């Protein structure tokens, strides 16, 4: 399979999980400005949405949306315990965190990337991110991971956006939340995460 990605974009979480699972895969970077892949393909012909991640499966199908790709990958190797069993309460809780991360955390970064965003809009986005991270931090005050006592795809997804904080400066410093900072350090130390970080640094 092939993962189409851009360094540190929301394709980062699926990149981590592919390495966690030890699934053979290729990568191809996408220039999100020109919508061209590294090999020169028009990315819209691969994913009409023009967004990463996109995962091309061995049968030619292309899967999009990070939260969906994460679940698909984890279900390929249930023995890795990166996702709870389908139908379990833990699975529902994991999906709840995936949805919250995608819709309430990720989307708030959009105005921060846009140079034409009014300062008032950026200020509101940062305030909302701070609120959302406060909620996650309170949850992590009582447990090491978002769901249960082990690393799951939900943790990789949240970590994806904690990495974005490091690109936005002190306004989004997570040191104010010790449990979130400890979570960030815990996930950062995982070998698969380090490997994905190193690979994406080389892509840049």
N, C-alpha and C. Protein backbone atom coordinates (compact mmCIF):
# COMPACT_ATOMS: atom_id res chain seq x y z
N UNK A 1 0.84 -1.19 0.00
CA UNK A 1 0.00 0.00 0.00
C UNK A 1 0.88 1.24 0.00
N UNK A 2 0.27 2.36 -0.41
CA UNK A 2 1.03 3.61 -0.48
C UNK A 2 0.29 4.70 0.28
N UNK A 3 1.02 5.42 1.14
CA UNK A 3 0.47 6.55 1.87
C UNK A 3 0.92 7.83 1.22
N UNK A 4 -0.04 8.62 0.78
CA UNK A 4 0.24 9.96 0.27
C UNK A 4 0.17 10.91 1.46
N UNK A 5 1.24 11.67 1.65
CA UNK A 5 1.34 12.49 2.85
C UNK A 5 2.03 13.81 2.56
N UNK A 6 1.94 14.71 3.51
CA UNK A 6 2.73 15.93 3.54
C UNK A 6 3.34 15.98 4.94
N UNK A 7 4.61 16.37 5.06
CA UNK A 7 5.26 16.36 6.37
C UNK A 7 4.47 17.13 7.43
N UNK A 8 4.23 16.44 8.54
CA UNK A 8 3.54 16.97 9.71
C UNK A 8 2.09 17.37 9.47
N UNK A 9 1.53 17.01 8.31
CA UNK A 9 0.11 17.25 8.07
C UNK A 9 -0.69 16.20 8.84
N UNK A 10 -2.02 16.15 8.64
CA UNK A 10 -2.82 15.18 9.38
C UNK A 10 -2.64 13.76 8.85
N UNK A 11 -1.76 13.60 7.87
CA UNK A 11 -1.34 12.27 7.44
C UNK A 11 -0.30 11.66 8.38
N UNK A 12 0.17 12.46 9.33
CA UNK A 12 1.21 11.99 10.24
C UNK A 12 0.73 10.84 11.11
N UNK A 13 -0.50 10.90 11.60
CA UNK A 13 -1.01 9.84 12.46
C UNK A 13 -1.08 8.49 11.73
N UNK A 14 -1.64 8.42 10.51
CA UNK A 14 -1.59 7.14 9.78
C UNK A 14 -0.16 6.67 9.51
N UNK A 15 0.75 7.60 9.28
CA UNK A 15 2.16 7.24 9.09
C UNK A 15 2.69 6.53 10.34
N UNK A 16 2.38 7.08 11.50
CA UNK A 16 2.80 6.46 12.76
C UNK A 16 2.23 5.05 12.88
N UNK A 17 0.95 4.92 12.60
CA UNK A 17 0.28 3.63 12.82
C UNK A 17 0.79 2.58 11.83
N UNK A 18 1.07 2.94 10.62
CA UNK A 18 1.67 1.98 9.68
C UNK A 18 2.98 1.44 10.24
N UNK A 19 3.77 2.28 10.85
CA UNK A 19 5.04 1.84 11.44
C UNK A 19 4.80 1.04 12.71
N UNK A 20 3.82 1.43 13.50
CA UNK A 20 3.49 0.67 14.71
C UNK A 20 3.09 -0.76 14.36
N UNK A 21 2.36 -0.91 13.27
CA UNK A 21 1.85 -2.22 12.88
C UNK A 21 2.87 -3.05 12.11
N UNK A 22 3.91 -2.40 11.61
CA UNK A 22 4.91 -3.13 10.83
C UNK A 22 4.40 -3.57 9.48
N UNK A 23 3.43 -2.84 8.94
CA UNK A 23 2.87 -3.17 7.63
C UNK A 23 3.77 -2.57 6.55
N UNK A 24 4.17 -3.37 5.56
CA UNK A 24 4.97 -2.81 4.47
C UNK A 24 4.18 -1.72 3.73
N UNK A 25 4.81 -0.59 3.48
CA UNK A 25 4.13 0.49 2.77
C UNK A 25 5.15 1.40 2.09
N UNK A 26 4.67 2.10 1.10
CA UNK A 26 5.44 3.14 0.44
C UNK A 26 4.86 4.49 0.84
N UNK A 27 5.66 5.53 0.65
CA UNK A 27 5.15 6.88 0.87
C UNK A 27 5.40 7.71 -0.38
N UNK A 28 4.53 8.67 -0.58
CA UNK A 28 4.77 9.67 -1.62
C UNK A 28 4.29 11.01 -1.07
N UNK A 29 5.16 11.98 -1.10
CA UNK A 29 4.80 13.30 -0.58
C UNK A 29 3.96 14.06 -1.59
N UNK A 30 3.15 14.96 -1.05
CA UNK A 30 2.26 15.79 -1.86
C UNK A 30 2.54 17.25 -1.52
N UNK A 31 2.70 18.06 -2.53
CA UNK A 31 2.79 19.50 -2.34
C UNK A 31 1.36 20.02 -2.26
N UNK A 32 0.95 20.45 -1.08
CA UNK A 32 -0.43 20.85 -0.89
C UNK A 32 -0.76 22.19 -1.53
N UNK A 33 0.27 22.93 -1.92
CA UNK A 33 0.05 24.17 -2.64
C UNK A 33 -0.25 23.93 -4.11
N UNK A 34 0.58 23.11 -4.74
CA UNK A 34 0.42 22.84 -6.17
C UNK A 34 -0.48 21.64 -6.45
N UNK A 35 -0.75 20.83 -5.42
CA UNK A 35 -1.51 19.59 -5.56
C UNK A 35 -0.82 18.61 -6.51
N UNK A 36 0.50 18.60 -6.46
CA UNK A 36 1.29 17.66 -7.24
C UNK A 36 2.01 16.72 -6.29
N UNK A 37 2.07 15.45 -6.69
CA UNK A 37 2.84 14.49 -5.90
C UNK A 37 4.32 14.64 -6.25
N UNK A 38 5.15 14.00 -5.46
CA UNK A 38 6.59 14.09 -5.71
C UNK A 38 6.96 13.56 -7.10
N UNK A 39 6.21 12.58 -7.59
CA UNK A 39 6.49 12.02 -8.91
C UNK A 39 5.85 12.83 -10.04
N UNK A 40 5.13 13.89 -9.69
CA UNK A 40 4.56 14.77 -10.71
C UNK A 40 3.10 14.52 -11.05
N UNK A 41 2.47 13.58 -10.37
CA UNK A 41 1.04 13.31 -10.64
C UNK A 41 0.18 14.44 -10.10
N UNK A 42 -0.95 14.63 -10.75
CA UNK A 42 -1.98 15.54 -10.26
C UNK A 42 -2.68 14.84 -9.09
N UNK A 43 -2.52 15.37 -7.89
CA UNK A 43 -3.05 14.69 -6.71
C UNK A 43 -4.58 14.59 -6.75
N UNK A 44 -5.23 15.51 -7.44
CA UNK A 44 -6.69 15.45 -7.53
C UNK A 44 -7.14 14.17 -8.24
N UNK A 45 -6.30 13.58 -9.07
CA UNK A 45 -6.68 12.33 -9.73
C UNK A 45 -6.60 11.15 -8.77
N UNK A 46 -5.91 11.34 -7.66
CA UNK A 46 -5.79 10.30 -6.63
C UNK A 46 -6.84 10.51 -5.56
N UNK A 47 -6.93 11.74 -5.08
CA UNK A 47 -7.95 12.11 -4.11
C UNK A 47 -8.62 13.40 -4.57
N UNK A 48 -9.83 13.33 -5.09
CA UNK A 48 -10.51 14.54 -5.58
C UNK A 48 -10.68 15.63 -4.52
N UNK A 49 -10.58 15.25 -3.25
CA UNK A 49 -10.67 16.25 -2.18
C UNK A 49 -9.43 17.12 -2.12
N UNK A 50 -8.31 16.61 -2.67
CA UNK A 50 -7.07 17.37 -2.66
C UNK A 50 -6.39 17.43 -1.31
N UNK A 51 -6.77 16.54 -0.41
CA UNK A 51 -6.24 16.56 0.96
C UNK A 51 -5.49 15.28 1.27
N UNK A 52 -4.49 15.39 2.13
CA UNK A 52 -3.86 14.21 2.69
C UNK A 52 -4.46 13.96 4.07
N UNK A 53 -4.43 12.68 4.49
CA UNK A 53 -3.83 11.52 3.86
C UNK A 53 -4.75 10.89 2.81
N UNK A 54 -4.10 10.14 1.92
CA UNK A 54 -4.80 9.23 1.03
C UNK A 54 -4.01 7.93 1.07
N UNK A 55 -4.70 6.84 1.20
CA UNK A 55 -4.05 5.54 1.28
C UNK A 55 -4.49 4.69 0.10
N UNK A 56 -3.54 4.37 -0.79
CA UNK A 56 -3.85 3.50 -1.91
C UNK A 56 -3.60 2.06 -1.48
N UNK A 57 -4.64 1.26 -1.54
CA UNK A 57 -4.54 -0.14 -1.13
C UNK A 57 -3.98 -0.99 -2.26
N UNK A 58 -3.58 -2.20 -1.92
CA UNK A 58 -2.99 -3.08 -2.92
C UNK A 58 -3.97 -3.46 -4.03
N UNK A 59 -5.27 -3.35 -3.75
CA UNK A 59 -6.27 -3.66 -4.79
C UNK A 59 -6.63 -2.45 -5.64
N UNK A 60 -5.94 -1.31 -5.39
CA UNK A 60 -6.17 -0.10 -6.18
C UNK A 60 -7.14 0.88 -5.57
N UNK A 61 -7.92 0.44 -4.59
CA UNK A 61 -8.84 1.35 -3.91
C UNK A 61 -8.05 2.44 -3.17
N UNK A 62 -8.64 3.64 -3.09
CA UNK A 62 -8.02 4.73 -2.35
C UNK A 62 -8.94 5.13 -1.20
N UNK A 63 -8.38 5.13 -0.01
CA UNK A 63 -9.13 5.49 1.20
C UNK A 63 -8.64 6.85 1.69
N UNK A 64 -9.58 7.70 2.10
CA UNK A 64 -9.23 9.03 2.60
C UNK A 64 -9.84 9.25 3.98
N UNK A 65 -9.50 10.38 4.59
CA UNK A 65 -9.92 10.79 5.93
C UNK A 65 -9.12 10.05 6.99
N UNK A 66 -8.32 10.81 7.72
CA UNK A 66 -7.37 10.22 8.68
C UNK A 66 -8.05 9.32 9.70
N UNK A 67 -9.16 9.76 10.27
CA UNK A 67 -9.81 8.96 11.32
C UNK A 67 -10.30 7.62 10.79
N UNK A 68 -10.71 7.59 9.52
CA UNK A 68 -11.17 6.35 8.91
C UNK A 68 -9.98 5.46 8.56
N UNK A 69 -8.94 6.05 8.00
CA UNK A 69 -7.74 5.28 7.66
C UNK A 69 -7.15 4.64 8.91
N UNK A 70 -7.12 5.37 10.00
CA UNK A 70 -6.56 4.84 11.26
C UNK A 70 -7.32 3.59 11.70
N UNK A 71 -8.64 3.64 11.64
CA UNK A 71 -9.43 2.48 12.05
C UNK A 71 -9.24 1.31 11.10
N UNK A 72 -9.19 1.60 9.81
CA UNK A 72 -8.97 0.55 8.82
C UNK A 72 -7.65 -0.16 9.08
N UNK A 73 -6.60 0.61 9.28
CA UNK A 73 -5.27 0.02 9.49
C UNK A 73 -5.24 -0.82 10.77
N UNK A 74 -5.76 -0.27 11.85
CA UNK A 74 -5.72 -0.98 13.13
C UNK A 74 -6.49 -2.30 13.06
N UNK A 75 -7.57 -2.32 12.30
CA UNK A 75 -8.36 -3.55 12.17
C UNK A 75 -7.65 -4.62 11.34
N UNK A 76 -6.64 -4.21 10.56
CA UNK A 76 -5.88 -5.20 9.79
C UNK A 76 -5.08 -6.12 10.70
N UNK A 77 -4.68 -5.60 11.87
CA UNK A 77 -3.89 -6.39 12.81
C UNK A 77 -4.45 -6.23 14.21
N UNK A 78 -5.59 -6.85 14.49
CA UNK A 78 -6.22 -6.69 15.81
C UNK A 78 -5.32 -7.16 16.94
N UNK A 79 -4.39 -8.08 16.65
CA UNK A 79 -3.50 -8.58 17.69
C UNK A 79 -2.54 -7.51 18.21
N UNK A 80 -2.40 -6.41 17.47
CA UNK A 80 -1.53 -5.31 17.92
C UNK A 80 -2.19 -4.46 19.00
N UNK A 81 -3.49 -4.65 19.20
CA UNK A 81 -4.23 -3.95 20.26
C UNK A 81 -4.17 -2.43 20.13
N UNK A 82 -4.21 -1.93 18.90
CA UNK A 82 -4.24 -0.49 18.68
C UNK A 82 -5.66 0.05 18.57
N UNK A 83 -6.63 -0.86 18.62
CA UNK A 83 -8.04 -0.46 18.56
C UNK A 83 -8.84 -1.51 19.32
N UNK A 84 -9.82 -1.09 20.13
CA UNK A 84 -10.65 -2.08 20.83
C UNK A 84 -11.53 -2.87 19.87
N UNK A 85 -12.04 -3.96 20.35
CA UNK A 85 -12.88 -4.85 19.55
C UNK A 85 -14.14 -4.13 19.07
N UNK A 86 -14.51 -4.36 17.82
CA UNK A 86 -15.74 -3.78 17.26
C UNK A 86 -16.94 -4.19 18.11
N UNK A 87 -17.79 -3.21 18.40
CA UNK A 87 -18.98 -3.49 19.20
C UNK A 87 -18.79 -3.28 20.69
N UNK A 88 -17.53 -3.11 21.11
CA UNK A 88 -17.27 -2.90 22.54
C UNK A 88 -17.49 -1.43 22.92
N UNK A 89 -17.71 -1.21 24.21
CA UNK A 89 -17.86 0.16 24.70
C UNK A 89 -16.57 0.94 24.51
N UNK A 90 -15.43 0.27 24.67
CA UNK A 90 -14.14 0.94 24.49
C UNK A 90 -13.98 1.43 23.06
N UNK A 91 -14.49 0.63 22.11
CA UNK A 91 -14.41 1.04 20.69
C UNK A 91 -15.20 2.33 20.48
N UNK A 92 -16.38 2.41 21.07
CA UNK A 92 -17.19 3.61 20.93
C UNK A 92 -16.48 4.81 21.54
N UNK A 93 -15.86 4.62 22.70
CA UNK A 93 -15.13 5.72 23.33
C UNK A 93 -13.95 6.17 22.46
N UNK A 94 -13.27 5.20 21.84
CA UNK A 94 -12.18 5.55 20.94
C UNK A 94 -12.70 6.36 19.75
N UNK A 95 -13.81 5.94 19.19
CA UNK A 95 -14.38 6.67 18.06
C UNK A 95 -14.81 8.07 18.48
N UNK A 96 -15.27 8.19 19.71
CA UNK A 96 -15.64 9.50 20.24
C UNK A 96 -14.43 10.44 20.24
N UNK A 97 -13.27 9.93 20.69
CA UNK A 97 -12.06 10.75 20.70
C UNK A 97 -11.57 11.05 19.29
N UNK A 98 -11.65 10.09 18.39
CA UNK A 98 -11.26 10.35 17.00
C UNK A 98 -12.11 11.47 16.41
N UNK A 99 -13.41 11.40 16.65
CA UNK A 99 -14.32 12.40 16.10
C UNK A 99 -14.04 13.78 16.72
N UNK A 100 -13.84 13.81 18.01
CA UNK A 100 -13.57 15.08 18.68
C UNK A 100 -12.27 15.70 18.17
N UNK A 101 -11.25 14.87 18.02
CA UNK A 101 -9.97 15.37 17.52
C UNK A 101 -10.11 15.91 16.10
N UNK A 102 -10.85 15.19 15.27
CA UNK A 102 -11.00 15.62 13.87
C UNK A 102 -11.83 16.90 13.75
N UNK A 103 -12.92 16.99 14.50
CA UNK A 103 -13.86 18.08 14.28
C UNK A 103 -13.66 19.29 15.19
N UNK A 104 -13.12 19.07 16.38
CA UNK A 104 -13.01 20.17 17.33
C UNK A 104 -11.57 20.65 17.55
N UNK A 105 -10.60 19.79 17.34
CA UNK A 105 -9.20 20.20 17.51
C UNK A 105 -8.58 20.55 16.17
N UNK A 106 -8.62 19.62 15.24
CA UNK A 106 -7.99 19.85 13.94
C UNK A 106 -8.51 21.11 13.25
N UNK A 107 -9.82 21.26 13.18
CA UNK A 107 -10.39 22.35 12.38
C UNK A 107 -10.03 23.73 12.93
N UNK A 108 -9.71 23.81 14.22
CA UNK A 108 -9.39 25.11 14.80
C UNK A 108 -8.03 25.63 14.33
N UNK A 109 -7.19 24.76 13.80
CA UNK A 109 -5.89 25.20 13.31
C UNK A 109 -6.00 25.88 11.94
N UNK A 110 -7.09 25.64 11.22
CA UNK A 110 -7.18 26.14 9.85
C UNK A 110 -6.92 27.64 9.73
N UNK A 111 -7.56 28.49 10.55
CA UNK A 111 -7.28 29.93 10.40
C UNK A 111 -5.86 30.32 10.78
N UNK A 112 -5.19 29.49 11.58
CA UNK A 112 -3.82 29.80 11.98
C UNK A 112 -2.84 29.61 10.82
N UNK A 113 -3.21 28.76 9.86
CA UNK A 113 -2.34 28.52 8.70
C UNK A 113 -2.56 29.57 7.62
N UNK A 114 -3.71 30.21 7.62
CA UNK A 114 -4.06 31.12 6.52
C UNK A 114 -3.50 32.52 6.78
N UNK A 115 -2.66 33.03 5.89
CA UNK A 115 -2.08 34.36 6.11
C UNK A 115 -3.11 35.48 6.06
N UNK A 116 -4.26 35.22 5.43
CA UNK A 116 -5.28 36.27 5.32
C UNK A 116 -6.31 36.22 6.45
N UNK A 117 -6.11 35.34 7.43
CA UNK A 117 -7.06 35.27 8.54
C UNK A 117 -6.95 36.51 9.42
N UNK A 118 -8.06 37.15 9.74
CA UNK A 118 -8.02 38.30 10.66
C UNK A 118 -7.46 37.90 12.02
N UNK A 119 -6.80 38.82 12.68
CA UNK A 119 -6.22 38.52 13.98
C UNK A 119 -7.28 38.08 14.98
N UNK A 120 -8.46 38.66 14.89
CA UNK A 120 -9.54 38.28 15.82
C UNK A 120 -9.94 36.82 15.61
N UNK A 121 -9.93 36.38 14.36
CA UNK A 121 -10.26 34.99 14.06
C UNK A 121 -9.19 34.06 14.62
N UNK A 122 -7.93 34.44 14.45
CA UNK A 122 -6.84 33.63 14.99
C UNK A 122 -6.92 33.55 16.51
N UNK A 123 -7.24 34.68 17.14
CA UNK A 123 -7.34 34.72 18.60
C UNK A 123 -8.44 33.77 19.08
N UNK A 124 -9.57 33.79 18.41
CA UNK A 124 -10.67 32.90 18.78
C UNK A 124 -10.28 31.44 18.59
N UNK A 125 -9.58 31.15 17.51
CA UNK A 125 -9.15 29.77 17.25
C UNK A 125 -8.22 29.28 18.35
N UNK A 126 -7.28 30.12 18.74
CA UNK A 126 -6.34 29.73 19.80
C UNK A 126 -7.08 29.50 21.11
N UNK A 127 -8.02 30.37 21.43
CA UNK A 127 -8.81 30.21 22.66
C UNK A 127 -9.57 28.88 22.64
N UNK A 128 -10.09 28.52 21.48
CA UNK A 128 -10.84 27.27 21.36
C UNK A 128 -9.92 26.07 21.50
N UNK A 129 -8.74 26.15 20.90
CA UNK A 129 -7.77 25.06 21.03
C UNK A 129 -7.37 24.90 22.49
N UNK A 130 -7.13 26.00 23.17
CA UNK A 130 -6.78 25.95 24.59
C UNK A 130 -7.89 25.27 25.39
N UNK A 131 -9.13 25.62 25.10
CA UNK A 131 -10.26 24.98 25.78
C UNK A 131 -10.28 23.48 25.51
N UNK A 132 -10.11 23.11 24.24
CA UNK A 132 -10.17 21.69 23.87
C UNK A 132 -9.03 20.89 24.48
N UNK A 133 -7.85 21.49 24.51
CA UNK A 133 -6.72 20.79 25.13
C UNK A 133 -6.90 20.69 26.64
N UNK A 134 -7.55 21.67 27.22
CA UNK A 134 -7.84 21.58 28.64
C UNK A 134 -8.74 20.39 28.95
N UNK A 135 -9.71 20.16 28.08
CA UNK A 135 -10.60 19.01 28.25
C UNK A 135 -9.80 17.70 28.14
N UNK A 136 -8.95 17.60 27.13
CA UNK A 136 -8.12 16.39 26.96
C UNK A 136 -7.19 16.20 28.15
N UNK A 137 -6.64 17.30 28.64
CA UNK A 137 -5.71 17.22 29.78
C UNK A 137 -6.42 16.71 31.02
N UNK A 138 -7.63 17.19 31.28
CA UNK A 138 -8.37 16.71 32.45
C UNK A 138 -8.65 15.22 32.33
N UNK A 139 -8.94 14.77 31.13
CA UNK A 139 -9.15 13.34 30.89
C UNK A 139 -7.87 12.56 31.18
N UNK A 140 -6.75 13.11 30.75
CA UNK A 140 -5.45 12.43 30.92
C UNK A 140 -4.89 12.58 32.32
N UNK A 141 -5.49 13.42 33.13
CA UNK A 141 -5.07 13.50 34.54
C UNK A 141 -5.26 12.16 35.24
N UNK A 142 -6.20 11.35 34.75
CA UNK A 142 -6.57 10.11 35.44
C UNK A 142 -6.14 8.84 34.72
N UNK A 143 -5.44 8.99 33.58
CA UNK A 143 -5.05 7.81 32.80
C UNK A 143 -3.89 8.18 31.89
N UNK A 144 -3.06 7.21 31.50
CA UNK A 144 -1.92 7.53 30.65
C UNK A 144 -2.27 7.73 29.18
N UNK A 145 -3.39 7.13 28.74
CA UNK A 145 -3.79 7.21 27.34
C UNK A 145 -5.26 7.57 27.25
N UNK A 146 -5.71 7.93 26.06
CA UNK A 146 -7.08 8.40 25.91
C UNK A 146 -8.12 7.32 26.18
N UNK A 147 -7.81 6.07 25.80
CA UNK A 147 -8.76 4.97 25.97
C UNK A 147 -8.04 3.81 26.65
N UNK A 148 -8.44 3.52 27.87
CA UNK A 148 -7.83 2.40 28.58
C UNK A 148 -6.42 2.70 29.03
N UNK A 149 -5.63 1.66 29.20
CA UNK A 149 -4.29 1.83 29.76
C UNK A 149 -3.21 1.51 28.74
N UNK A 150 -3.56 1.57 27.44
CA UNK A 150 -2.56 1.28 26.41
C UNK A 150 -2.71 2.26 25.25
N UNK A 151 -1.64 2.40 24.48
CA UNK A 151 -1.59 3.25 23.30
C UNK A 151 -2.56 2.73 22.25
N UNK A 152 -3.33 3.64 21.65
CA UNK A 152 -4.24 3.30 20.56
C UNK A 152 -4.11 4.34 19.45
N UNK A 153 -4.85 4.11 18.37
CA UNK A 153 -4.84 5.06 17.26
C UNK A 153 -5.34 6.44 17.68
N UNK A 154 -6.19 6.51 18.70
CA UNK A 154 -6.67 7.81 19.17
C UNK A 154 -5.52 8.65 19.72
N UNK A 155 -4.57 8.00 20.37
CA UNK A 155 -3.42 8.72 20.91
C UNK A 155 -2.53 9.25 19.79
N UNK A 156 -2.36 8.46 18.73
CA UNK A 156 -1.56 8.92 17.59
C UNK A 156 -2.20 10.14 16.94
N UNK A 157 -3.52 10.13 16.88
CA UNK A 157 -4.23 11.24 16.24
C UNK A 157 -4.11 12.52 17.05
N UNK A 158 -4.30 12.43 18.35
CA UNK A 158 -4.14 13.62 19.18
C UNK A 158 -2.69 14.11 19.13
N UNK A 159 -1.74 13.19 19.19
CA UNK A 159 -0.33 13.57 19.13
C UNK A 159 -0.01 14.32 17.85
N UNK A 160 -0.64 13.94 16.76
CA UNK A 160 -0.45 14.61 15.47
C UNK A 160 -0.59 16.12 15.64
N UNK A 161 -1.62 16.55 16.37
CA UNK A 161 -1.90 17.97 16.48
C UNK A 161 -1.11 18.63 17.61
N UNK A 162 -0.65 17.85 18.57
CA UNK A 162 0.27 18.40 19.55
C UNK A 162 1.58 18.79 18.85
N UNK A 163 1.95 18.05 17.81
CA UNK A 163 3.13 18.42 17.03
C UNK A 163 2.92 19.76 16.34
N UNK A 164 1.70 20.06 15.95
CA UNK A 164 1.42 21.34 15.30
C UNK A 164 1.65 22.50 16.27
N UNK A 165 1.38 22.27 17.55
CA UNK A 165 1.62 23.33 18.53
C UNK A 165 3.06 23.80 18.50
N UNK A 166 3.96 22.86 18.27
CA UNK A 166 5.39 23.18 18.29
C UNK A 166 5.78 24.05 17.10
N UNK A 167 4.91 24.10 16.10
CA UNK A 167 5.18 24.94 14.94
C UNK A 167 4.51 26.31 15.08
N UNK A 168 3.68 26.48 16.10
CA UNK A 168 2.93 27.73 16.22
C UNK A 168 3.42 28.63 17.34
N UNK A 169 4.40 28.20 18.10
CA UNK A 169 4.98 29.08 19.09
C UNK A 169 4.33 29.03 20.46
N UNK A 170 4.78 29.91 21.36
CA UNK A 170 4.38 29.86 22.78
C UNK A 170 2.89 30.03 23.03
N UNK A 171 2.15 30.60 22.06
CA UNK A 171 0.71 30.80 22.27
C UNK A 171 0.00 29.47 22.51
N UNK A 172 0.57 28.38 22.02
CA UNK A 172 -0.05 27.07 22.18
C UNK A 172 0.86 26.13 22.97
N UNK A 173 1.63 26.68 23.89
CA UNK A 173 2.53 25.88 24.71
C UNK A 173 1.70 24.99 25.64
N UNK A 174 1.94 23.68 25.62
CA UNK A 174 1.14 22.77 26.44
C UNK A 174 1.70 22.58 27.85
N UNK A 175 2.76 23.31 28.18
CA UNK A 175 3.34 23.17 29.52
C UNK A 175 2.34 23.52 30.62
N UNK A 176 1.32 24.28 30.28
CA UNK A 176 0.31 24.65 31.29
C UNK A 176 -0.54 23.46 31.72
N UNK A 177 -0.45 22.36 30.97
CA UNK A 177 -1.19 21.14 31.30
C UNK A 177 -0.19 20.01 31.51
N UNK A 178 0.25 19.76 32.71
CA UNK A 178 1.26 18.73 32.95
C UNK A 178 0.90 17.35 32.40
N UNK A 179 -0.36 16.96 32.50
CA UNK A 179 -0.73 15.62 32.02
C UNK A 179 -0.64 15.55 30.50
N UNK A 180 -0.96 16.64 29.82
CA UNK A 180 -0.87 16.66 28.36
C UNK A 180 0.59 16.69 27.92
N UNK A 181 1.40 17.42 28.67
CA UNK A 181 2.83 17.46 28.37
C UNK A 181 3.46 16.08 28.58
N UNK A 182 3.06 15.40 29.64
CA UNK A 182 3.58 14.05 29.91
C UNK A 182 3.11 13.08 28.83
N UNK A 183 1.87 13.23 28.39
CA UNK A 183 1.34 12.41 27.30
C UNK A 183 2.17 12.61 26.04
N UNK A 184 2.44 13.86 25.72
CA UNK A 184 3.24 14.19 24.54
C UNK A 184 4.62 13.52 24.60
N UNK A 185 5.25 13.59 25.76
CA UNK A 185 6.57 12.97 25.93
C UNK A 185 6.48 11.45 25.82
N UNK A 186 5.41 10.88 26.37
CA UNK A 186 5.22 9.42 26.35
C UNK A 186 5.07 8.93 24.91
N UNK A 187 4.27 9.63 24.12
CA UNK A 187 4.06 9.21 22.74
C UNK A 187 5.33 9.47 21.91
N UNK A 188 5.99 10.58 22.16
CA UNK A 188 7.21 10.92 21.42
C UNK A 188 8.29 9.85 21.56
N UNK A 189 8.29 9.18 22.70
CA UNK A 189 9.35 8.20 22.99
C UNK A 189 9.15 6.86 22.28
N UNK A 190 7.99 6.65 21.68
CA UNK A 190 7.74 5.37 21.03
C UNK A 190 8.63 5.24 19.78
N UNK A 191 9.26 4.09 19.56
CA UNK A 191 10.15 3.91 18.41
C UNK A 191 9.48 4.21 17.07
N UNK A 192 8.25 3.77 16.89
CA UNK A 192 7.56 4.02 15.62
C UNK A 192 7.31 5.50 15.41
N UNK A 193 7.03 6.21 16.49
CA UNK A 193 6.81 7.65 16.39
C UNK A 193 8.10 8.36 16.03
N UNK A 194 9.20 7.95 16.68
CA UNK A 194 10.50 8.54 16.36
C UNK A 194 10.85 8.29 14.90
N UNK A 195 10.58 7.08 14.41
CA UNK A 195 10.89 6.74 13.02
C UNK A 195 10.07 7.60 12.06
N UNK A 196 8.80 7.79 12.37
CA UNK A 196 7.94 8.63 11.51
C UNK A 196 8.41 10.08 11.53
N UNK A 197 8.77 10.57 12.71
CA UNK A 197 9.28 11.95 12.82
C UNK A 197 10.54 12.13 11.98
N UNK A 198 11.45 11.18 12.09
CA UNK A 198 12.72 11.26 11.36
C UNK A 198 12.46 11.21 9.84
N UNK A 199 11.57 10.32 9.43
CA UNK A 199 11.27 10.19 8.00
C UNK A 199 10.67 11.47 7.45
N UNK A 200 9.75 12.08 8.20
CA UNK A 200 9.11 13.28 7.70
C UNK A 200 10.02 14.48 7.75
N UNK A 201 10.97 14.49 8.68
CA UNK A 201 11.97 15.55 8.69
C UNK A 201 12.85 15.44 7.43
N UNK A 202 13.14 14.22 7.00
CA UNK A 202 13.94 14.02 5.78
C UNK A 202 13.14 14.45 4.55
N UNK A 203 11.82 14.25 4.56
CA UNK A 203 11.01 14.67 3.43
C UNK A 203 11.07 16.19 3.24
N UNK A 204 11.10 16.91 4.36
CA UNK A 204 11.14 18.37 4.26
C UNK A 204 12.46 18.84 3.69
